[in-house]
Amino acid sequence: MNDVKFEPDIARDILLAMESHPGSVLLGEAPTIPGDHDYEVLCHHYHLLHEDGFIEALDYTGGDFLECIPLRMTRDGYRYLESVRNDRWYRMALHHIHKHGTPMSLRAIWEVTKSHMGLCLAFQMR
């Protein structure tokens, strides 16, 4: 678990998969996540999404033990996903965060994409 790093693309892919199959986990079907990620990597990202309030999950993580089962997206999960759905804005946010040395987190990405959306809307209203 200690070697697993946060990958924003995996978190985004998880939310996209959960959105396209709402409630499937409760029926015993895990959402299909694009890519070839091992169970530990997915559990780590489920845990991070759960900690940040973007999903509800059964989280049994502790010490070196990692087990997190996603249940559903929260309202913040849907809002975050809306802010990163546009690939161009999402990539710009990642670039901005990396360029300024801000620690990469879901909340940081959300704040940057929200500010980009706000600027775009302000220019459109002119």
C-alpha atoms as a PDB file:
ATOM      1  CA  MET A   1       0.000   0.000   0.000  1.00  0.00           C
ATOM      2  CA  ASN A   2       2.857   2.409   0.707  1.00  0.00           C
ATOM      3  CA  ASP A   3       4.111   2.244  -2.896  1.00  0.00           C
ATOM      4  CA  VAL A   4       0.759   3.238  -4.425  1.00  0.00           C
ATOM      5  CA  LYS A   5       0.705   6.831  -5.613  1.00  0.00           C
ATOM      6  CA  PHE A   6      -2.297   9.042  -6.266  1.00  0.00           C
ATOM      7  CA  GLU A   7      -3.124   9.154  -9.970  1.00  0.00           C
ATOM      8  CA  PRO A   8      -5.824  11.720 -10.797  1.00  0.00           C
ATOM      9  CA  ASP A   9      -6.679   9.922 -14.058  1.00  0.00           C
ATOM     10  CA  ILE A  10      -7.563   6.747 -12.143  1.00  0.00           C
ATOM     11  CA  ALA A  11      -9.799   8.690  -9.744  1.00  0.00           C
ATOM     12  CA  ARG A  12     -11.524  10.359 -12.705  1.00  0.00           C
ATOM     13  CA  ASP A  13     -11.968   7.012 -14.482  1.00  0.00           C
ATOM     14  CA  ILE A  14     -13.491   5.498 -11.327  1.00  0.00           C
ATOM     15  CA  LEU A  15     -16.026   8.314 -11.048  1.00  0.00           C
ATOM     16  CA  LEU A  16     -16.900   8.075 -14.750  1.00  0.00           C
ATOM     17  CA  ALA A  17     -17.445   4.331 -14.389  1.00  0.00           C
ATOM     18  CA  MET A  18     -19.550   4.760 -11.259  1.00  0.00           C
ATOM     19  CA  GLU A  19     -21.658   7.410 -12.977  1.00  0.00           C
ATOM     20  CA  SER A  20     -22.330   5.184 -15.968  1.00  0.00           C
ATOM     21  CA  HIS A  21     -23.347   2.253 -13.718  1.00  0.00           C
ATOM     22  CA  PRO A  22     -25.035   3.788 -10.660  1.00  0.00           C
ATOM     23  CA  GLY A  23     -25.862   1.297  -7.968  1.00  0.00           C
ATOM     24  CA  SER A  24     -24.121  -1.576  -9.732  1.00  0.00           C
ATOM     25  CA  VAL A  25     -21.763  -2.158  -6.797  1.00  0.00           C
ATOM     26  CA  LEU A  26     -24.723  -2.655  -4.488  1.00  0.00           C
ATOM     27  CA  LEU A  27     -25.877  -5.405  -6.852  1.00  0.00           C
ATOM     28  CA  GLY A  28     -22.505  -7.120  -6.580  1.00  0.00           C
ATOM     29  CA  GLU A  29     -21.096  -5.756  -9.839  1.00  0.00           C
ATOM     30  CA  ALA A  30     -17.978  -3.637  -9.554  1.00  0.00           C
ATOM     31  CA  PRO A  31     -17.776  -0.890 -12.180  1.00  0.00           C
ATOM     32  CA  THR A  32     -15.358  -1.620 -15.008  1.00  0.00           C
ATOM     33  CA  ILE A  33     -12.464   0.817 -14.773  1.00  0.00           C
ATOM     34  CA  PRO A  34     -10.491   1.503 -17.971  1.00  0.00           C
ATOM     35  CA  GLY A  35      -6.850   0.439 -17.876  1.00  0.00           C
ATOM     36  CA  ASP A  36      -5.001  -2.441 -16.330  1.00  0.00           C
ATOM     37  CA  HIS A  37      -4.981  -1.497 -12.631  1.00  0.00           C
ATOM     38  CA  ASP A  38      -4.433  -4.034  -9.915  1.00  0.00           C
ATOM     39  CA  TYR A  39      -6.825  -4.384  -7.014  1.00  0.00           C
ATOM     40  CA  GLU A  40      -4.544  -2.571  -4.566  1.00  0.00           C
ATOM     41  CA  VAL A  41      -4.312   0.516  -6.800  1.00  0.00           C
ATOM     42  CA  LEU A  42      -8.088   0.668  -7.255  1.00  0.00           C
ATOM     43  CA  CYS A  43      -8.719   0.187  -3.518  1.00  0.00           C
ATOM     44  CA  HIS A  44      -6.259   2.971  -2.742  1.00  0.00           C
ATOM     45  CA  HIS A  45      -8.126   5.335  -5.058  1.00  0.00           C
ATOM     46  CA  TYR A  46     -11.528   4.230  -3.729  1.00  0.00           C
ATOM     47  CA  HIS A  47     -10.173   5.032  -0.253  1.00  0.00           C
ATOM     48  CA  LEU A  48      -8.984   8.513  -1.336  1.00  0.00           C
ATOM     49  CA  LEU A  49     -12.294   9.257  -3.069  1.00  0.00           C
ATOM     50  CA  HIS A  50     -14.106   8.148   0.074  1.00  0.00           C
ATOM     51  CA  GLU A  51     -11.877  10.250   2.370  1.00  0.00           C
ATOM     52  CA  ASP A  52     -12.496  13.337   0.232  1.00  0.00           C
ATOM     53  CA  GLY A  53     -16.253  12.773   0.268  1.00  0.00           C
ATOM     54  CA  PHE A  54     -16.676  12.011  -3.432  1.00  0.00           C
ATOM     55  CA  ILE A  55     -18.005   8.480  -2.895  1.00  0.00           C
ATOM     56  CA  GLU A  56     -19.615   6.487  -0.144  1.00  0.00           C
ATOM     57  CA  ALA A  57     -17.771   3.247   0.504  1.00  0.00           C
ATOM     58  CA  LEU A  58     -17.254   0.425   2.931  1.00  0.00           C
ATOM     59  CA  ASP A  59     -13.734   1.296   3.998  1.00  0.00           C
ATOM     60  CA  TYR A  60     -11.789  -1.258   6.010  1.00  0.00           C
ATOM     61  CA  THR A  61      -8.390   0.372   5.473  1.00  0.00           C
ATOM     62  CA  GLY A  62      -5.971   0.329   8.393  1.00  0.00           C
ATOM     63  CA  GLY A  63      -2.218  -0.088   8.804  1.00  0.00           C
ATOM     64  CA  ASP A  64      -0.961  -2.145   5.870  1.00  0.00           C
ATOM     65  CA  PHE A  65      -4.430  -3.524   5.177  1.00  0.00           C
ATOM     66  CA  LEU A  66      -6.321  -1.983   2.276  1.00  0.00           C
ATOM     67  CA  GLU A  67      -9.897  -2.889   1.500  1.00  0.00           C
ATOM     68  CA  CYS A  68     -12.383  -0.329   0.242  1.00  0.00           C
ATOM     69  CA  ILE A  69     -15.596  -1.148  -1.593  1.00  0.00           C
ATOM     70  CA  PRO A  70     -17.294   1.747  -3.431  1.00  0.00           C
ATOM     71  CA  LEU A  71     -21.043   2.045  -2.979  1.00  0.00           C
ATOM     72  CA  ARG A  72     -22.170   5.228  -4.706  1.00  0.00           C
ATOM     73  CA  MET A  73     -21.107   8.711  -5.731  1.00  0.00           C
ATOM     74  CA  THR A  74     -21.995  11.618  -3.462  1.00  0.00           C
ATOM     75  CA  ARG A  75     -23.274  15.005  -4.588  1.00  0.00           C
ATOM     76  CA  ASP A  76     -19.687  16.328  -4.389  1.00  0.00           C
ATOM     77  CA  GLY A  77     -18.585  13.361  -6.510  1.00  0.00           C
ATOM     78  CA  TYR A  78     -21.018  14.384  -9.240  1.00  0.00           C
ATOM     79  CA  ARG A  79     -19.975  18.047  -8.955  1.00  0.00           C
ATOM     80  CA  TYR A  80     -16.297  17.141  -9.154  1.00  0.00           C
ATOM     81  CA  LEU A  81     -16.933  14.909 -12.152  1.00  0.00           C
ATOM     82  CA  GLU A  82     -18.805  17.726 -13.906  1.00  0.00           C
ATOM     83  CA  SER A  83     -15.806  20.010 -13.373  1.00  0.00           C
ATOM     84  CA  VAL A  84     -13.334  17.488 -14.866  1.00  0.00           C
ATOM     85  CA  ARG A  85     -15.538  16.049 -17.611  1.00  0.00           C
ATOM     86  CA  ASN A  86     -14.112  18.453 -20.183  1.00  0.00           C
ATOM     87  CA  ASP A  87     -10.740  16.887 -20.985  1.00  0.00           C
ATOM     88  CA  ARG A  88      -9.175  20.186 -22.006  1.00  0.00           C
ATOM     89  CA  TRP A  89     -10.052  21.897 -18.694  1.00  0.00           C
ATOM     90  CA  TYR A  90      -8.988  18.831 -16.759  1.00  0.00           C
ATOM     91  CA  ARG A  91      -5.563  18.714 -18.460  1.00  0.00           C
ATOM     92  CA  MET A  92      -5.156  22.483 -17.974  1.00  0.00           C
ATOM     93  CA  ALA A  93      -5.884  22.052 -14.258  1.00  0.00           C
ATOM     94  CA  LEU A  94      -3.306  19.272 -13.932  1.00  0.00           C
ATOM     95  CA  HIS A  95      -0.742  21.408 -15.769  1.00  0.00           C
ATOM     96  CA  HIS A  96      -1.507  24.439 -13.579  1.00  0.00           C
ATOM     97  CA  ILE A  97      -1.170  22.443 -10.355  1.00  0.00           C
ATOM     98  CA  HIS A  98       2.073  20.823 -11.509  1.00  0.00           C
ATOM     99  CA  LYS A  99       3.502  24.142 -12.748  1.00  0.00           C
ATOM    100  CA  HIS A 100       2.879  25.897  -9.429  1.00  0.00           C
ATOM    101  CA  GLY A 101       4.104  23.025  -7.276  1.00  0.00           C
ATOM    102  CA  THR A 102       0.779  22.620  -5.510  1.00  0.00           C
ATOM    103  CA  PRO A 103       0.349  19.161  -3.974  1.00  0.00           C
ATOM    104  CA  MET A 104      -1.818  17.090  -6.303  1.00  0.00           C
ATOM    105  CA  SER A 105      -5.185  16.312  -4.760  1.00  0.00           C
ATOM    106  CA  LEU A 106      -8.768  15.926  -5.880  1.00  0.00           C
ATOM    107  CA  ARG A 107      -9.732  19.135  -4.074  1.00  0.00           C
ATOM    108  CA  ALA A 108      -6.912  21.098  -5.740  1.00  0.00           C
ATOM    109  CA  ILE A 109      -7.988  19.847  -9.180  1.00  0.00           C
ATOM    110  CA  TRP A 110     -11.604  20.733  -8.382  1.00  0.00           C
ATOM    111  CA  GLU A 111     -10.706  24.263  -7.278  1.00  0.00           C
ATOM    112  CA  VAL A 112      -8.651  24.937 -10.407  1.00  0.00           C
ATOM    113  CA  THR A 113     -11.295  23.571 -12.790  1.00  0.00           C
ATOM    114  CA  LYS A 114     -14.017  25.572 -11.011  1.00  0.00           C
ATOM    115  CA  SER A 115     -11.973  28.756 -11.381  1.00  0.00           C
ATOM    116  CA  HIS A 116     -11.384  28.017 -15.100  1.00  0.00           C
ATOM    117  CA  MET A 117     -15.105  27.412 -15.607  1.00  0.00           C
ATOM    118  CA  GLY A 118     -15.924  30.642 -13.792  1.00  0.00           C
ATOM    119  CA  LEU A 119     -13.544  32.649 -16.001  1.00  0.00           C
ATOM    120  CA  CYS A 120     -14.954  31.051 -19.164  1.00  0.00           C
ATOM    121  CA  LEU A 121     -18.523  31.822 -18.106  1.00  0.00           C
ATOM    122  CA  ALA A 122     -17.602  35.412 -17.232  1.00  0.00           C
ATOM    123  CA  PHE A 123     -16.115  35.970 -20.710  1.00  0.00           C
ATOM    124  CA  GLN A 124     -19.139  34.378 -22.381  1.00  0.00           C
ATOM    125  CA  MET A 125     -21.498  36.750 -20.558  1.00  0.00           C
ATOM    126  CA  ARG A 126     -19.699  39.841 -21.870  1.00  0.00           C
END
